[in-house]
Amino acid sequence: MMFKGLSWTVMTGSVVMYSIVFLVVRYGMFLGGDATMQACPTLLMLTIPGALAALTSKESPLTVAVLGALLATPICLVIIHCYPEWCYDLVQELAFDTSAVFWCGSGALLVMLLRTIFWHSHNR
């Protein structure tokens, strides 16, 4: 079963945390005053919700992080479109959203890697 080990409380927490960080990053880009979306190092902040989702879900950390990001992205897009000055072209928006989901998954993968390393070194 694909969704074995998913907890609704963990999933809800992942969606809320991702939404908050996503909107903070977008608001920070708006405050930057740049009319075009360029390289944004603040996207690395999106590793935090992925890492927290992975820390709270032991059986399927990557699934929880990515699924939470995918569920939260449409919610964030609806909120963003309430503020027209935050909106960008469709292609730029898709690129930003895809990279946001990628960085969220990367945070979960980092936690999984650290768990594996520390588990392996602890069992020697």
C-alpha atoms as a PDB file:
ATOM      1  CA  MET A   1       0.000   0.000   0.000  1.00  0.00           C
ATOM      2  CA  MET A   2       1.454   3.318  -1.083  1.00  0.00           C
ATOM      3  CA  PHE A   3       0.192   5.468   1.796  1.00  0.00           C
ATOM      4  CA  LYS A   4       1.046   3.048   4.586  1.00  0.00           C
ATOM      5  CA  GLY A   5       2.333   4.820   7.648  1.00  0.00           C
ATOM      6  CA  LEU A   6       0.784   8.201   6.834  1.00  0.00           C
ATOM      7  CA  SER A   7      -0.675  10.039   9.784  1.00  0.00           C
ATOM      8  CA  TRP A   8      -3.266  12.708   9.138  1.00  0.00           C
ATOM      9  CA  THR A   9      -1.918  14.867  11.938  1.00  0.00           C
ATOM     10  CA  VAL A  10       1.596  14.719  10.487  1.00  0.00           C
ATOM     11  CA  MET A  11       0.219  15.411   7.003  1.00  0.00           C
ATOM     12  CA  THR A  12      -1.786  18.396   8.255  1.00  0.00           C
ATOM     13  CA  GLY A  13       1.243  19.750  10.071  1.00  0.00           C
ATOM     14  CA  SER A  14       3.333  19.348   6.936  1.00  0.00           C
ATOM     15  CA  VAL A  15       0.765  21.215   4.826  1.00  0.00           C
ATOM     16  CA  VAL A  16       0.513  24.066   7.344  1.00  0.00           C
ATOM     17  CA  MET A  17       4.288  24.413   7.786  1.00  0.00           C
ATOM     18  CA  TYR A  18       4.927  24.309   4.033  1.00  0.00           C
ATOM     19  CA  SER A  19       2.208  26.911   3.418  1.00  0.00           C
ATOM     20  CA  ILE A  20       3.628  29.278   6.017  1.00  0.00           C
ATOM     21  CA  VAL A  21       7.195  29.027   4.720  1.00  0.00           C
ATOM     22  CA  PHE A  22       6.061  29.230   1.080  1.00  0.00           C
ATOM     23  CA  LEU A  23       4.087  32.422   1.716  1.00  0.00           C
ATOM     24  CA  VAL A  24       6.917  33.955   3.745  1.00  0.00           C
ATOM     25  CA  VAL A  25       9.355  33.294   0.898  1.00  0.00           C
ATOM     26  CA  ARG A  26       6.958  34.770  -1.657  1.00  0.00           C
ATOM     27  CA  TYR A  27       6.291  37.823   0.513  1.00  0.00           C
ATOM     28  CA  GLY A  28      10.046  38.299   0.907  1.00  0.00           C
ATOM     29  CA  MET A  29      10.408  38.215  -2.872  1.00  0.00           C
ATOM     30  CA  PHE A  30       7.674  40.854  -3.130  1.00  0.00           C
ATOM     31  CA  LEU A  31       9.481  43.064  -0.607  1.00  0.00           C
ATOM     32  CA  GLY A  32      12.650  42.721  -2.673  1.00  0.00           C
ATOM     33  CA  GLY A  33      10.929  44.852  -5.294  1.00  0.00           C
ATOM     34  CA  ASP A  34      12.264  42.945  -8.281  1.00  0.00           C
ATOM     35  CA  ALA A  35       9.764  42.710 -11.132  1.00  0.00           C
ATOM     36  CA  THR A  36      11.190  39.443 -12.423  1.00  0.00           C
ATOM     37  CA  MET A  37      11.665  36.263 -10.479  1.00  0.00           C
ATOM     38  CA  GLN A  38      15.389  35.484 -10.308  1.00  0.00           C
ATOM     39  CA  ALA A  39      17.522  33.015  -8.392  1.00  0.00           C
ATOM     40  CA  CYS A  40      16.149  32.967  -4.889  1.00  0.00           C
ATOM     41  CA  PRO A  41      18.379  31.553  -2.140  1.00  0.00           C
ATOM     42  CA  THR A  42      15.474  31.893   0.288  1.00  0.00           C
ATOM     43  CA  LEU A  43      13.977  28.835  -1.415  1.00  0.00           C
ATOM     44  CA  LEU A  44      16.375  26.864   0.776  1.00  0.00           C
ATOM     45  CA  MET A  45      14.064  27.747   3.670  1.00  0.00           C
ATOM     46  CA  LEU A  46      11.637  25.228   2.172  1.00  0.00           C
ATOM     47  CA  THR A  47      13.929  22.429   3.357  1.00  0.00           C
ATOM     48  CA  ILE A  48      12.674  23.193   6.878  1.00  0.00           C
ATOM     49  CA  PRO A  49       9.087  21.904   6.368  1.00  0.00           C
ATOM     50  CA  GLY A  50      10.464  18.844   4.591  1.00  0.00           C
ATOM     51  CA  ALA A  51      12.874  18.141   7.424  1.00  0.00           C
ATOM     52  CA  LEU A  52      10.185  18.608  10.063  1.00  0.00           C
ATOM     53  CA  ALA A  53       7.820  16.333   8.167  1.00  0.00           C
ATOM     54  CA  ALA A  54      10.553  13.705   7.951  1.00  0.00           C
ATOM     55  CA  LEU A  55      11.333  14.012  11.649  1.00  0.00           C
ATOM     56  CA  THR A  56       7.701  13.467  12.601  1.00  0.00           C
ATOM     57  CA  SER A  57       7.100  10.554  10.227  1.00  0.00           C
ATOM     58  CA  LYS A  58       9.381   7.596  10.744  1.00  0.00           C
ATOM     59  CA  GLU A  59       7.891   5.116   8.251  1.00  0.00           C
ATOM     60  CA  SER A  60       7.443   7.283   5.137  1.00  0.00           C
ATOM     61  CA  PRO A  61       9.216  10.617   5.585  1.00  0.00           C
ATOM     62  CA  LEU A  62       9.701  11.491   1.918  1.00  0.00           C
ATOM     63  CA  THR A  63       6.100  10.646   1.047  1.00  0.00           C
ATOM     64  CA  VAL A  64       4.760  12.851   3.833  1.00  0.00           C
ATOM     65  CA  ALA A  65       6.987  15.790   2.865  1.00  0.00           C
ATOM     66  CA  VAL A  66       6.302  15.678  -0.882  1.00  0.00           C
ATOM     67  CA  LEU A  67       2.605  14.887  -0.549  1.00  0.00           C
ATOM     68  CA  GLY A  68       2.213  17.690   1.984  1.00  0.00           C
ATOM     69  CA  ALA A  69       3.960  20.097  -0.396  1.00  0.00           C
ATOM     70  CA  LEU A  70       1.821  18.991  -3.320  1.00  0.00           C
ATOM     71  CA  LEU A  71      -1.371  19.410  -1.296  1.00  0.00           C
ATOM     72  CA  ALA A  72      -0.337  22.823   0.029  1.00  0.00           C
ATOM     73  CA  THR A  73       0.785  24.322  -3.286  1.00  0.00           C
ATOM     74  CA  PRO A  74      -2.735  24.914  -4.696  1.00  0.00           C
ATOM     75  CA  ILE A  75      -3.790  26.470  -1.388  1.00  0.00           C
ATOM     76  CA  CYS A  76      -0.797  28.807  -1.519  1.00  0.00           C
ATOM     77  CA  LEU A  77      -1.503  29.698  -5.139  1.00  0.00           C
ATOM     78  CA  VAL A  78      -5.077  30.681  -4.286  1.00  0.00           C
ATOM     79  CA  ILE A  79      -3.784  32.909  -1.482  1.00  0.00           C
ATOM     80  CA  ILE A  80      -1.120  34.429  -3.747  1.00  0.00           C
ATOM     81  CA  HIS A  81      -3.627  35.243  -6.470  1.00  0.00           C
ATOM     82  CA  CYS A  82      -5.575  37.331  -3.956  1.00  0.00           C
ATOM     83  CA  TYR A  83      -2.572  39.699  -4.116  1.00  0.00           C
ATOM     84  CA  PRO A  84      -2.006  40.528  -7.812  1.00  0.00           C
ATOM     85  CA  GLU A  85       1.309  42.260  -7.140  1.00  0.00           C
ATOM     86  CA  TRP A  86       2.766  38.924  -5.945  1.00  0.00           C
ATOM     87  CA  CYS A  87       1.859  37.113  -9.196  1.00  0.00           C
ATOM     88  CA  TYR A  88       4.291  36.275 -11.995  1.00  0.00           C
ATOM     89  CA  ASP A  89       4.022  34.689 -15.425  1.00  0.00           C
ATOM     90  CA  LEU A  90       2.625  31.155 -15.563  1.00  0.00           C
ATOM     91  CA  VAL A  91       5.963  29.623 -16.581  1.00  0.00           C
ATOM     92  CA  GLN A  92       7.825  31.429 -13.787  1.00  0.00           C
ATOM     93  CA  GLU A  93       5.140  30.405 -11.318  1.00  0.00           C
ATOM     94  CA  LEU A  94       5.388  26.736 -12.328  1.00  0.00           C
ATOM     95  CA  ALA A  95       9.183  26.865 -12.085  1.00  0.00           C
ATOM     96  CA  PHE A  96       9.012  28.396  -8.613  1.00  0.00           C
ATOM     97  CA  ASP A  97       6.401  25.901  -7.400  1.00  0.00           C
ATOM     98  CA  THR A  98       8.328  22.945  -8.788  1.00  0.00           C
ATOM     99  CA  SER A  99      11.546  24.072  -7.153  1.00  0.00           C
ATOM    100  CA  ALA A 100       9.693  24.658  -3.872  1.00  0.00           C
ATOM    101  CA  VAL A 101       8.428  21.060  -3.873  1.00  0.00           C
ATOM    102  CA  PHE A 102      11.945  19.878  -4.793  1.00  0.00           C
ATOM    103  CA  TRP A 103      13.533  21.703  -1.859  1.00  0.00           C
ATOM    104  CA  CYS A 104      10.881  20.409   0.509  1.00  0.00           C
ATOM    105  CA  GLY A 105      11.655  16.850  -0.614  1.00  0.00           C
ATOM    106  CA  SER A 106      15.374  17.579  -0.271  1.00  0.00           C
ATOM    107  CA  GLY A 107      14.874  18.481   3.375  1.00  0.00           C
ATOM    108  CA  ALA A 108      13.202  15.117   3.964  1.00  0.00           C
ATOM    109  CA  LEU A 109      15.990  13.323   2.106  1.00  0.00           C
ATOM    110  CA  LEU A 110      18.587  15.081   4.247  1.00  0.00           C
ATOM    111  CA  VAL A 111      16.902  13.850   7.430  1.00  0.00           C
ATOM    112  CA  MET A 112      16.698  10.334   5.990  1.00  0.00           C
ATOM    113  CA  LEU A 113      20.422  10.464   5.154  1.00  0.00           C
ATOM    114  CA  LEU A 114      21.354  11.658   8.634  1.00  0.00           C
ATOM    115  CA  ARG A 115      19.203   8.948  10.217  1.00  0.00           C
ATOM    116  CA  THR A 116      20.919   6.313   8.094  1.00  0.00           C
ATOM    117  CA  ILE A 117      24.409   7.602   8.896  1.00  0.00           C
ATOM    118  CA  PHE A 118      23.791   7.850  12.635  1.00  0.00           C
ATOM    119  CA  TRP A 119      21.997   4.501  12.739  1.00  0.00           C
ATOM    120  CA  HIS A 120      24.878   2.858  10.878  1.00  0.00           C
ATOM    121  CA  SER A 121      27.546   4.441  13.097  1.00  0.00           C
ATOM    122  CA  HIS A 122      25.548   3.624  16.244  1.00  0.00           C
ATOM    123  CA  ASN A 123      25.236  -0.081  15.343  1.00  0.00           C
ATOM    124  CA  ARG A 124      28.959  -0.698  14.785  1.00  0.00           C
END
